[in-house]
Amino acid sequence: MKINPQSDRIIVRRLDADSKSKGGLHIPEVGKEKPTQATVVAVGPGRTTPEGKVVEPRVKAGDRVLFGKYSGNEVTLDGVEYLIIREDDVLAVLE
């Protein structure tokens, strides 16, 4: 299934969280926090200004991004979990 986000929405897929702590202890699934890093899967055409101009998004598919902990809406399509966020929710692009 192909995903086409609308407006300034971005579809991301969270990166896997580490299963061990920095000290080497195994962290069970219940104790893990959801990661705030993700890979961009799809990007909408951009937001529209009040004057009617479309502002293109600054991220593109394939970028690794950081986003807020409680940002977006989770969806599951074809057994894969995605997160739909706004471009404003992206805090940084990782290089």
PDB file of N, CA and C in Angstrom:
ATOM      1  N   MET A   1       0.845  -1.169   0.000  1.00  0.00           N
ATOM      2  CA  MET A   1       0.000   0.000   0.000  1.00  0.00           C
ATOM      3  C   MET A   1       0.894   1.238   0.000  1.00  0.00           C
ATOM      4  N   LYS A   2       0.615   2.198  -0.860  1.00  0.00           N
ATOM      5  CA  LYS A   2       1.389   3.432  -0.936  1.00  0.00           C
ATOM      6  C   LYS A   2       0.741   4.482  -0.037  1.00  0.00           C
ATOM      7  N   ILE A   3       1.572   5.220   0.699  1.00  0.00           N
ATOM      8  CA  ILE A   3       1.097   6.238   1.627  1.00  0.00           C
ATOM      9  C   ILE A   3       1.401   7.610   1.049  1.00  0.00           C
ATOM     10  N   ASN A   4       0.382   8.457   0.956  1.00  0.00           N
ATOM     11  CA  ASN A   4       0.551   9.823   0.477  1.00  0.00           C
ATOM     12  C   ASN A   4       0.043  10.792   1.535  1.00  0.00           C
ATOM     13  N   PRO A   5       0.947  11.351   2.351  1.00  0.00           N
ATOM     14  CA  PRO A   5       0.506  12.307   3.370  1.00  0.00           C
ATOM     15  C   PRO A   5       0.025  13.608   2.737  1.00  0.00           C
ATOM     16  N   GLN A   6      -0.852  14.294   3.423  1.00  0.00           N
ATOM     17  CA  GLN A   6      -1.415  15.547   2.941  1.00  0.00           C
ATOM     18  C   GLN A   6      -0.776  16.729   3.645  1.00  0.00           C
ATOM     19  N   SER A   7      -0.798  17.877   2.993  1.00  0.00           N
ATOM     20  CA  SER A   7      -0.337  19.139   3.557  1.00  0.00           C
ATOM     21  C   SER A   7       1.102  19.023   4.058  1.00  0.00           C
ATOM     22  N   ASP A   8       1.368  19.463   5.296  1.00  0.00           N
ATOM     23  CA  ASP A   8       2.734  19.422   5.823  1.00  0.00           C
ATOM     24  C   ASP A   8       2.966  18.201   6.708  1.00  0.00           C
ATOM     25  N   ARG A   9       2.223  17.136   6.465  1.00  0.00           N
ATOM     26  CA  ARG A   9       2.362  15.902   7.252  1.00  0.00           C
ATOM     27  C   ARG A   9       3.539  15.073   6.720  1.00  0.00           C
ATOM     28  N   ILE A  10       4.156  14.325   7.629  1.00  0.00           N
ATOM     29  CA  ILE A  10       5.283  13.457   7.305  1.00  0.00           C
ATOM     30  C   ILE A  10       5.012  12.095   7.907  1.00  0.00           C
ATOM     31  N   ILE A  11       5.245  11.044   7.143  1.00  0.00           N
ATOM     32  CA  ILE A  11       5.110   9.670   7.638  1.00  0.00           C
ATOM     33  C   ILE A  11       6.503   9.184   8.000  1.00  0.00           C
ATOM     34  N   VAL A  12       6.675   8.734   9.256  1.00  0.00           N
ATOM     35  CA  VAL A  12       7.974   8.232   9.709  1.00  0.00           C
ATOM     36  C   VAL A  12       7.811   6.844  10.305  1.00  0.00           C
ATOM     37  N   ARG A  13       8.906   6.119  10.315  1.00  0.00           N
ATOM     38  CA  ARG A  13       8.952   4.805  10.959  1.00  0.00           C
ATOM     39  C   ARG A  13      10.018   4.873  12.034  1.00  0.00           C
ATOM     40  N   ARG A  14       9.599   4.618  13.272  1.00  0.00           N
ATOM     41  CA  ARG A  14      10.526   4.710  14.410  1.00  0.00           C
ATOM     42  C   ARG A  14      11.686   3.731  14.235  1.00  0.00           C
ATOM     43  N   LEU A  15      12.879   4.171  14.691  1.00  0.00           N
ATOM     44  CA  LEU A  15      14.044   3.296  14.711  1.00  0.00           C
ATOM     45  C   LEU A  15      13.952   2.422  15.953  1.00  0.00           C
ATOM     46  N   ASP A  16      14.516   1.243  15.896  1.00  0.00           N
ATOM     47  CA  ASP A  16      14.460   0.318  17.032  1.00  0.00           C
ATOM     48  C   ASP A  16      15.224   0.874  18.222  1.00  0.00           C
ATOM     49  N   ALA A  17      14.647   0.703  19.402  1.00  0.00           N
ATOM     50  CA  ALA A  17      15.292   1.139  20.641  1.00  0.00           C
ATOM     51  C   ALA A  17      16.303   0.087  21.076  1.00  0.00           C
ATOM     52  N   ASP A  18      17.321   0.532  21.798  1.00  0.00           N
ATOM     53  CA  ASP A  18      18.322  -0.396  22.317  1.00  0.00           C
ATOM     54  C   ASP A  18      17.685  -1.318  23.346  1.00  0.00           C
ATOM     55  N   SER A  19      18.106  -2.593  23.338  1.00  0.00           N
ATOM     56  CA  SER A  19      17.555  -3.528  24.310  1.00  0.00           C
ATOM     57  C   SER A  19      18.465  -3.667  25.526  1.00  0.00           C
ATOM     58  N   LYS A  20      19.601  -2.934  25.529  1.00  0.00           N
ATOM     59  CA  LYS A  20      20.506  -2.954  26.673  1.00  0.00           C
ATOM     60  C   LYS A  20      20.779  -1.534  27.130  1.00  0.00           C
ATOM     61  N   SER A  21      20.973  -1.381  28.429  1.00  0.00           N
ATOM     62  CA  SER A  21      21.323  -0.068  28.978  1.00  0.00           C
ATOM     63  C   SER A  21      22.802   0.199  28.726  1.00  0.00           C
ATOM     64  N   LYS A  22      23.251   1.406  29.037  1.00  0.00           N
ATOM     65  CA  LYS A  22      24.668   1.744  28.869  1.00  0.00           C
ATOM     66  C   LYS A  22      25.550   0.876  29.747  1.00  0.00           C
ATOM     67  N   GLY A  23      25.016   0.414  30.879  1.00  0.00           N
ATOM     68  CA  GLY A  23      25.767  -0.446  31.791  1.00  0.00           C
ATOM     69  C   GLY A  23      25.755  -1.909  31.391  1.00  0.00           C
ATOM     70  N   GLY A  24      25.005  -2.264  30.333  1.00  0.00           N
ATOM     71  CA  GLY A  24      24.984  -3.638  29.850  1.00  0.00           C
ATOM     72  C   GLY A  24      23.811  -4.464  30.340  1.00  0.00           C
ATOM     73  N   LEU A  25      22.882  -3.862  31.069  1.00  0.00           N
ATOM     74  CA  LEU A  25      21.724  -4.599  31.562  1.00  0.00           C
ATOM     75  C   LEU A  25      20.666  -4.709  30.476  1.00  0.00           C
ATOM     76  N   HIS A  26      19.994  -5.836  30.422  1.00  0.00           N
ATOM     77  CA  HIS A  26      18.924  -6.059  29.456  1.00  0.00           C
ATOM     78  C   HIS A  26      17.660  -5.321  29.912  1.00  0.00           C
ATOM     79  N   ILE A  27      17.039  -4.561  29.002  1.00  0.00           N
ATOM     80  CA  ILE A  27      15.826  -3.811  29.332  1.00  0.00           C
ATOM     81  C   ILE A  27      14.625  -4.564  28.761  1.00  0.00           C
ATOM     82  N   PRO A  28      13.658  -4.951  29.609  1.00  0.00           N
ATOM     83  CA  PRO A  28      12.484  -5.650  29.082  1.00  0.00           C
ATOM     84  C   PRO A  28      11.608  -4.703  28.257  1.00  0.00           C
ATOM     85  N   GLU A  29      10.753  -5.260  27.410  1.00  0.00           N
ATOM     86  CA  GLU A  29       9.876  -4.473  26.543  1.00  0.00           C
ATOM     87  C   GLU A  29       9.043  -3.461  27.319  1.00  0.00           C
ATOM     88  N   VAL A  30       8.575  -3.848  28.492  1.00  0.00           N
ATOM     89  CA  VAL A  30       7.716  -2.972  29.287  1.00  0.00           C
ATOM     90  C   VAL A  30       8.471  -1.727  29.742  1.00  0.00           C
ATOM     91  N   GLY A  31       9.748  -1.840  30.023  1.00  0.00           N
ATOM     92  CA  GLY A  31      10.527  -0.730  30.541  1.00  0.00           C
ATOM     93  C   GLY A  31      11.107   0.191  29.485  1.00  0.00           C
ATOM     94  N   LYS A  32      10.994  -0.179  28.221  1.00  0.00           N
ATOM     95  CA  LYS A  32      11.579   0.634  27.159  1.00  0.00           C
ATOM     96  C   LYS A  32      10.729   1.859  26.867  1.00  0.00           C
ATOM     97  N   GLU A  33      11.397   2.963  26.594  1.00  0.00           N
ATOM     98  CA  GLU A  33      10.701   4.144  26.109  1.00  0.00           C
ATOM     99  C   GLU A  33      10.656   4.068  24.592  1.00  0.00           C
ATOM    100  N   LYS A  34       9.626   4.645  24.006  1.00  0.00           N
ATOM    101  CA  LYS A  34       9.548   4.666  22.556  1.00  0.00           C
ATOM    102  C   LYS A  34      10.630   5.595  22.021  1.00  0.00           C
ATOM    103  N   PRO A  35      11.316   5.170  20.977  1.00  0.00           N
ATOM    104  CA  PRO A  35      12.384   6.009  20.444  1.00  0.00           C
ATOM    105  C   PRO A  35      11.850   7.299  19.836  1.00  0.00           C
ATOM    106  N   THR A  36      12.663   8.341  19.883  1.00  0.00           N
ATOM    107  CA  THR A  36      12.296   9.626  19.298  1.00  0.00           C
ATOM    108  C   THR A  36      13.085   9.886  18.017  1.00  0.00           C
ATOM    109  N   GLN A  37      13.706   8.832  17.487  1.00  0.00           N
ATOM    110  CA  GLN A  37      14.382   8.910  16.198  1.00  0.00           C
ATOM    111  C   GLN A  37      13.604   8.069  15.205  1.00  0.00           C
ATOM    112  N   ALA A  38      13.567   8.534  13.953  1.00  0.00           N
ATOM    113  CA  ALA A  38      12.816   7.807  12.945  1.00  0.00           C
ATOM    114  C   ALA A  38      13.394   8.071  11.564  1.00  0.00           C
ATOM    115  N   THR A  39      12.994   7.229  10.635  1.00  0.00           N
ATOM    116  CA  THR A  39      13.332   7.411   9.227  1.00  0.00           C
ATOM    117  C   THR A  39      12.088   7.905   8.507  1.00  0.00           C
ATOM    118  N   VAL A  40      12.243   8.937   7.700  1.00  0.00           N
ATOM    119  CA  VAL A  40      11.120   9.498   6.944  1.00  0.00           C
ATOM    120  C   VAL A  40      10.775   8.556   5.807  1.00  0.00           C
ATOM    121  N   VAL A  41       9.496   8.165   5.738  1.00  0.00           N
ATOM    122  CA  VAL A  41       9.015   7.261   4.696  1.00  0.00           C
ATOM    123  C   VAL A  41       8.390   8.048   3.548  1.00  0.00           C
ATOM    124  N   ALA A  42       7.570   9.048   3.877  1.00  0.00           N
ATOM    125  CA  ALA A  42       6.898   9.853   2.857  1.00  0.00           C
ATOM    126  C   ALA A  42       6.678  11.260   3.381  1.00  0.00           C
ATOM    127  N   VAL A  43       6.633  12.217   2.460  1.00  0.00           N
ATOM    128  CA  VAL A  43       6.472  13.623   2.818  1.00  0.00           C
ATOM    129  C   VAL A  43       5.350  14.215   1.977  1.00  0.00           C
ATOM    130  N   GLY A  44       4.496  15.012   2.615  1.00  0.00           N
ATOM    131  CA  GLY A  44       3.418  15.694   1.908  1.00  0.00           C
ATOM    132  C   GLY A  44       3.952  16.825   1.038  1.00  0.00           C
ATOM    133  N   PRO A  45       3.095  17.457   0.250  1.00  0.00           N
ATOM    134  CA  PRO A  45       3.528  18.513  -0.657  1.00  0.00           C
ATOM    135  C   PRO A  45       3.963  19.793   0.046  1.00  0.00           C
ATOM    136  N   GLY A  46       3.578  20.005   1.279  1.00  0.00           N
ATOM    137  CA  GLY A  46       3.963  21.206   2.024  1.00  0.00           C
ATOM    138  C   GLY A  46       2.739  21.955   2.513  1.00  0.00           C
ATOM    139  N   ARG A  47       2.994  22.928   3.382  1.00  0.00           N
ATOM    140  CA  ARG A  47       1.883  23.700   3.930  1.00  0.00           C
ATOM    141  C   ARG A  47       1.557  24.868   3.008  1.00  0.00           C
ATOM    142  N   THR A  48       0.318  25.315   3.082  1.00  0.00           N
ATOM    143  CA  THR A  48      -0.138  26.436   2.282  1.00  0.00           C
ATOM    144  C   THR A  48      -0.231  27.673   3.162  1.00  0.00           C
ATOM    145  N   THR A  49       0.349  28.776   2.708  1.00  0.00           N
ATOM    146  CA  THR A  49       0.303  30.037   3.444  1.00  0.00           C
ATOM    147  C   THR A  49      -1.059  30.690   3.232  1.00  0.00           C
ATOM    148  N   PRO A  50      -1.413  31.679   4.050  1.00  0.00           N
ATOM    149  CA  PRO A  50      -2.683  32.391   3.845  1.00  0.00           C
ATOM    150  C   PRO A  50      -2.783  33.068   2.465  1.00  0.00           C
ATOM    151  N   GLU A  51      -1.639  33.360   1.854  1.00  0.00           N
ATOM    152  CA  GLU A  51      -1.642  33.966   0.525  1.00  0.00           C
ATOM    153  C   GLU A  51      -1.836  32.943  -0.583  1.00  0.00           C
ATOM    154  N   GLY A  52      -1.837  31.649  -0.232  1.00  0.00           N
ATOM    155  CA  GLY A  52      -2.063  30.593  -1.213  1.00  0.00           C
ATOM    156  C   GLY A  52      -0.796  29.961  -1.770  1.00  0.00           C
ATOM    157  N   LYS A  53       0.364  30.348  -1.280  1.00  0.00           N
ATOM    158  CA  LYS A  53       1.624  29.768  -1.737  1.00  0.00           C
ATOM    159  C   LYS A  53       1.910  28.487  -0.957  1.00  0.00           C
ATOM    160  N   VAL A  54       2.487  27.500  -1.639  1.00  0.00           N
ATOM    161  CA  VAL A  54       2.855  26.240  -0.995  1.00  0.00           C
ATOM    162  C   VAL A  54       4.321  26.312  -0.595  1.00  0.00           C
ATOM    163  N   VAL A  55       4.592  26.091   0.692  1.00  0.00           N
ATOM    164  CA  VAL A  55       5.960  26.081   1.212  1.00  0.00           C
ATOM    165  C   VAL A  55       6.406  24.619   1.263  1.00  0.00           C
ATOM    166  N   GLU A  56       7.412  24.293   0.464  1.00  0.00           N
ATOM    167  CA  GLU A  56       7.885  22.904   0.400  1.00  0.00           C
ATOM    168  C   GLU A  56       8.556  22.493   1.703  1.00  0.00           C
ATOM    169  N   PRO A  57       8.393  21.224   2.092  1.00  0.00           N
ATOM    170  CA  PRO A  57       9.021  20.740   3.333  1.00  0.00           C
ATOM    171  C   PRO A  57      10.540  20.685   3.191  1.00  0.00           C
ATOM    172  N   ARG A  58      11.233  20.799   4.329  1.00  0.00           N
ATOM    173  CA  ARG A  58      12.694  20.774   4.337  1.00  0.00           C
ATOM    174  C   ARG A  58      13.258  19.376   4.500  1.00  0.00           C
ATOM    175  N   VAL A  59      12.415  18.391   4.790  1.00  0.00           N
ATOM    176  CA  VAL A  59      12.876  17.006   4.901  1.00  0.00           C
ATOM    177  C   VAL A  59      12.424  16.235   3.676  1.00  0.00           C
ATOM    178  N   LYS A  60      13.096  15.109   3.441  1.00  0.00           N
ATOM    179  CA  LYS A  60      12.731  14.268   2.300  1.00  0.00           C
ATOM    180  C   LYS A  60      12.749  12.810   2.736  1.00  0.00           C
ATOM    181  N   ALA A  61      12.153  11.958   1.952  1.00  0.00           N
ATOM    182  CA  ALA A  61      12.116  10.532   2.259  1.00  0.00           C
ATOM    183  C   ALA A  61      13.542  10.006   2.402  1.00  0.00           C
ATOM    184  N   GLY A  62      13.759   9.204   3.424  1.00  0.00           N
ATOM    185  CA  GLY A  62      15.074   8.637   3.682  1.00  0.00           C
ATOM    186  C   GLY A  62      15.859   9.362   4.757  1.00  0.00           C
ATOM    187  N   ASP A  63      15.473  10.591   5.111  1.00  0.00           N
ATOM    188  CA  ASP A  63      16.152  11.340   6.167  1.00  0.00           C
ATOM    189  C   ASP A  63      15.902  10.691   7.524  1.00  0.00           C
ATOM    190  N   ARG A  64      16.902  10.779   8.427  1.00  0.00           N
ATOM    191  CA  ARG A  64      16.719  10.369   9.823  1.00  0.00           C
ATOM    192  C   ARG A  64      16.449  11.630  10.616  1.00  0.00           C
ATOM    193  N   VAL A  65      15.378  11.605  11.405  1.00  0.00           N
ATOM    194  CA  VAL A  65      14.960  12.799  12.126  1.00  0.00           C
ATOM    195  C   VAL A  65      14.744  12.508  13.603  1.00  0.00           C
ATOM    196  N   LEU A  66      14.812  13.579  14.407  1.00  0.00           N
ATOM    197  CA  LEU A  66      14.421  13.555  15.812  1.00  0.00           C
ATOM    198  C   LEU A  66      13.097  14.297  15.921  1.00  0.00           C
ATOM    199  N   PHE A  67      12.198  13.788  16.759  1.00  0.00           N
ATOM    200  CA  PHE A  67      10.908  14.439  16.946  1.00  0.00           C
ATOM    201  C   PHE A  67      10.527  14.377  18.409  1.00  0.00           C
ATOM    202  N   GLY A  68       9.521  15.162  18.787  1.00  0.00           N
ATOM    203  CA  GLY A  68       9.067  15.219  20.170  1.00  0.00           C
ATOM    204  C   GLY A  68       8.506  13.892  20.651  1.00  0.00           C
ATOM    205  N   LYS A  69       8.643  13.644  21.935  1.00  0.00           N
ATOM    206  CA  LYS A  69       8.227  12.375  22.544  1.00  0.00           C
ATOM    207  C   LYS A  69       6.748  12.066  22.343  1.00  0.00           C
ATOM    208  N   TYR A  70       5.894  13.065  22.424  1.00  0.00           N
ATOM    209  CA  TYR A  70       4.454  12.837  22.335  1.00  0.00           C
ATOM    210  C   TYR A  70       3.870  13.364  21.026  1.00  0.00           C
ATOM    211  N   SER A  71       4.666  13.448  19.990  1.00  0.00           N
ATOM    212  CA  SER A  71       4.230  13.994  18.704  1.00  0.00           C
ATOM    213  C   SER A  71       3.498  12.951  17.872  1.00  0.00           C
ATOM    214  N   GLY A  72       2.574  13.428  17.063  1.00  0.00           N
ATOM    215  CA  GLY A  72       1.972  12.619  16.011  1.00  0.00           C
ATOM    216  C   GLY A  72       0.915  11.620  16.426  1.00  0.00           C
ATOM    217  N   ASN A  73       0.475  10.889  15.418  1.00  0.00           N
ATOM    218  CA  ASN A  73      -0.541   9.841  15.574  1.00  0.00           C
ATOM    219  C   ASN A  73       0.023   8.530  15.048  1.00  0.00           C
ATOM    220  N   GLU A  74      -0.112   7.476  15.827  1.00  0.00           N
ATOM    221  CA  GLU A  74       0.379   6.165  15.415  1.00  0.00           C
ATOM    222  C   GLU A  74      -0.663   5.470  14.563  1.00  0.00           C
ATOM    223  N   VAL A  75      -0.202   4.850  13.478  1.00  0.00           N
ATOM    224  CA  VAL A  75      -1.063   4.052  12.611  1.00  0.00           C
ATOM    225  C   VAL A  75      -0.327   2.771  12.254  1.00  0.00           C
ATOM    226  N   THR A  76      -1.082   1.710  11.976  1.00  0.00           N
ATOM    227  CA  THR A  76      -0.508   0.449  11.537  1.00  0.00           C
ATOM    228  C   THR A  76      -1.093   0.103  10.180  1.00  0.00           C
ATOM    229  N   LEU A  77      -0.223  -0.057   9.192  1.00  0.00           N
ATOM    230  CA  LEU A  77      -0.643  -0.426   7.842  1.00  0.00           C
ATOM    231  C   LEU A  77       0.146  -1.646   7.403  1.00  0.00           C
ATOM    232  N   ASP A  78      -0.559  -2.679   6.977  1.00  0.00           N
ATOM    233  CA  ASP A  78       0.070  -3.929   6.535  1.00  0.00           C
ATOM    234  C   ASP A  78       1.018  -4.493   7.584  1.00  0.00           C
ATOM    235  N   GLY A  79       0.666  -4.355   8.858  1.00  0.00           N
ATOM    236  CA  GLY A  79       1.459  -4.901   9.950  1.00  0.00           C
ATOM    237  C   GLY A  79       2.677  -4.079  10.333  1.00  0.00           C
ATOM    238  N   VAL A  80       2.851  -2.915   9.736  1.00  0.00           N
ATOM    239  CA  VAL A  80       3.990  -2.046  10.045  1.00  0.00           C
ATOM    240  C   VAL A  80       3.482  -0.802  10.756  1.00  0.00           C
ATOM    241  N   GLU A  81       4.152  -0.428  11.863  1.00  0.00           N
ATOM    242  CA  GLU A  81       3.740   0.752  12.623  1.00  0.00           C
ATOM    243  C   GLU A  81       4.420   2.001  12.070  1.00  0.00           C
ATOM    244  N   TYR A  82       3.624   3.018  11.821  1.00  0.00           N
ATOM    245  CA  TYR A  82       4.115   4.310  11.341  1.00  0.00           C
ATOM    246  C   TYR A  82       3.630   5.389  12.284  1.00  0.00           C
ATOM    247  N   LEU A  83       4.215   6.554  12.153  1.00  0.00           N
ATOM    248  CA  LEU A  83       3.815   7.718  12.923  1.00  0.00           C
ATOM    249  C   LEU A  83       3.605   8.858  11.933  1.00  0.00           C
ATOM    250  N   ILE A  84       2.473   9.539  12.039  1.00  0.00           N
ATOM    251  CA  ILE A  84       2.184  10.683  11.184  1.00  0.00           C
ATOM    252  C   ILE A  84       2.410  11.938  12.022  1.00  0.00           C
ATOM    253  N   ILE A  85       3.373  12.756  11.600  1.00  0.00           N
ATOM    254  CA  ILE A  85       3.697  13.973  12.334  1.00  0.00           C
ATOM    255  C   ILE A  85       3.659  15.167  11.383  1.00  0.00           C
ATOM    256  N   ARG A  86       3.586  16.353  11.953  1.00  0.00           N
ATOM    257  CA  ARG A  86       3.678  17.581  11.157  1.00  0.00           C
ATOM    258  C   ARG A  86       5.152  17.952  11.019  1.00  0.00           C
ATOM    259  N   GLU A  87       5.453  18.721   9.987  1.00  0.00           N
ATOM    260  CA  GLU A  87       6.836  19.142   9.794  1.00  0.00           C
ATOM    261  C   GLU A  87       7.335  19.939  10.995  1.00  0.00           C
ATOM    262  N   ASP A  88       6.463  20.701  11.644  1.00  0.00           N
ATOM    263  CA  ASP A  88       6.847  21.479  12.823  1.00  0.00           C
ATOM    264  C   ASP A  88       7.266  20.598  13.996  1.00  0.00           C
ATOM    265  N   ASP A  89       6.840  19.324  14.020  1.00  0.00           N
ATOM    266  CA  ASP A  89       7.209  18.402  15.097  1.00  0.00           C
ATOM    267  C   ASP A  89       8.635  17.875  14.958  1.00  0.00           C
ATOM    268  N   VAL A  90       9.253  18.047  13.784  1.00  0.00           N
ATOM    269  CA  VAL A  90      10.623  17.591  13.566  1.00  0.00           C
ATOM    270  C   VAL A  90      11.560  18.574  14.250  1.00  0.00           C
ATOM    271  N   LEU A  91      12.353  18.048  15.186  1.00  0.00           N
ATOM    272  CA  LEU A  91      13.271  18.887  15.948  1.00  0.00           C
ATOM    273  C   LEU A  91      14.629  19.025  15.254  1.00  0.00           C
ATOM    274  N   ALA A  92      15.076  17.958  14.552  1.00  0.00           N
ATOM    275  CA  ALA A  92      16.379  17.989  13.897  1.00  0.00           C
ATOM    276  C   ALA A  92      16.460  16.884  12.854  1.00  0.00           C
ATOM    277  N   VAL A  93      17.330  17.098  11.875  1.00  0.00           N
ATOM    278  CA  VAL A  93      17.638  16.077  10.876  1.00  0.00           C
ATOM    279  C   VAL A  93      19.027  15.562  11.202  1.00  0.00           C
ATOM    280  N   LEU A  94      19.175  14.248  11.330  1.00  0.00           N
ATOM    281  CA  LEU A  94      20.471  13.634  11.663  1.00  0.00           C
ATOM    282  C   LEU A  94      21.251  13.344  10.387  1.00  0.00           C
ATOM    283  N   GLU A  95      22.542  13.598  10.427  1.00  0.00           N
ATOM    284  CA  GLU A  95      23.388  13.339   9.257  1.00  0.00           C
ATOM    285  C   GLU A  95      24.332  12.211   9.535  1.00  0.00           C
TER     286      GLU A  95
END
